[in-house]
Amino acid sequence: MEAAARHAHFAGTVMVVGRLRTASIRACAPLGVSS
């Protein structure tokens, strides 16, 4: 049970990090293009 919970937590963390990274890339892309 611990391994399953740990895997679920890890998968959720990866999803959150991926979303934040994608959001930051989208936010910075226009600035990079304009400058």
C-alpha atoms as a PDB file:
ATOM      1  CA  MET A   1       0.000   0.000   0.000  1.00  0.00           C
ATOM      2  CA  GLU A   2       2.832   2.401   0.788  1.00  0.00           C
ATOM      3  CA  ALA A   3       4.434   1.814  -2.603  1.00  0.00           C
ATOM      4  CA  ALA A   4       1.147   2.492  -4.403  1.00  0.00           C
ATOM      5  CA  ALA A   5       0.561   5.695  -2.444  1.00  0.00           C
ATOM      6  CA  ARG A   6       4.131   6.802  -3.070  1.00  0.00           C
ATOM      7  CA  HIS A   7       3.774   6.133  -6.802  1.00  0.00           C
ATOM      8  CA  ALA A   8       0.487   8.085  -6.928  1.00  0.00           C
ATOM      9  CA  HIS A   9       2.085  11.006  -5.072  1.00  0.00           C
ATOM     10  CA  PHE A  10       5.103  10.937  -7.403  1.00  0.00           C
ATOM     11  CA  ALA A  11       2.868  10.876 -10.494  1.00  0.00           C
ATOM     12  CA  GLY A  12       0.852  13.804  -9.135  1.00  0.00           C
ATOM     13  CA  THR A  13       4.026  15.771  -8.419  1.00  0.00           C
ATOM     14  CA  VAL A  14       5.308  15.155 -11.947  1.00  0.00           C
ATOM     15  CA  MET A  15       1.991  16.366 -13.390  1.00  0.00           C
ATOM     16  CA  VAL A  16       2.081  19.547 -11.289  1.00  0.00           C
ATOM     17  CA  VAL A  17       5.709  20.278 -12.189  1.00  0.00           C
ATOM     18  CA  GLY A  18       4.937  19.712 -15.868  1.00  0.00           C
ATOM     19  CA  ARG A  19       1.997  22.112 -15.721  1.00  0.00           C
ATOM     20  CA  LEU A  20       4.026  24.793 -13.954  1.00  0.00           C
ATOM     21  CA  ARG A  21       6.875  24.401 -16.439  1.00  0.00           C
ATOM     22  CA  THR A  22       4.491  24.611 -19.407  1.00  0.00           C
ATOM     23  CA  ALA A  23       2.790  27.668 -17.908  1.00  0.00           C
ATOM     24  CA  SER A  24       6.115  29.416 -17.278  1.00  0.00           C
ATOM     25  CA  ILE A  25       7.298  28.646 -20.824  1.00  0.00           C
ATOM     26  CA  ARG A  26       4.055  30.069 -22.252  1.00  0.00           C
ATOM     27  CA  ALA A  27       4.392  33.154 -20.044  1.00  0.00           C
ATOM     28  CA  CYS A  28       8.040  33.772 -20.999  1.00  0.00           C
ATOM     29  CA  ALA A  29       7.771  32.935 -24.712  1.00  0.00           C
ATOM     30  CA  PRO A  30       6.133  36.269 -25.744  1.00  0.00           C
ATOM     31  CA  LEU A  31       8.752  38.197 -23.751  1.00  0.00           C
ATOM     32  CA  GLY A  32      11.557  36.282 -25.442  1.00  0.00           C
ATOM     33  CA  VAL A  33      10.063  36.911 -28.876  1.00  0.00           C
ATOM     34  CA  SER A  34       9.480  40.637 -28.280  1.00  0.00           C
ATOM     35  CA  SER A  35      12.978  41.164 -26.866  1.00  0.00           C
END
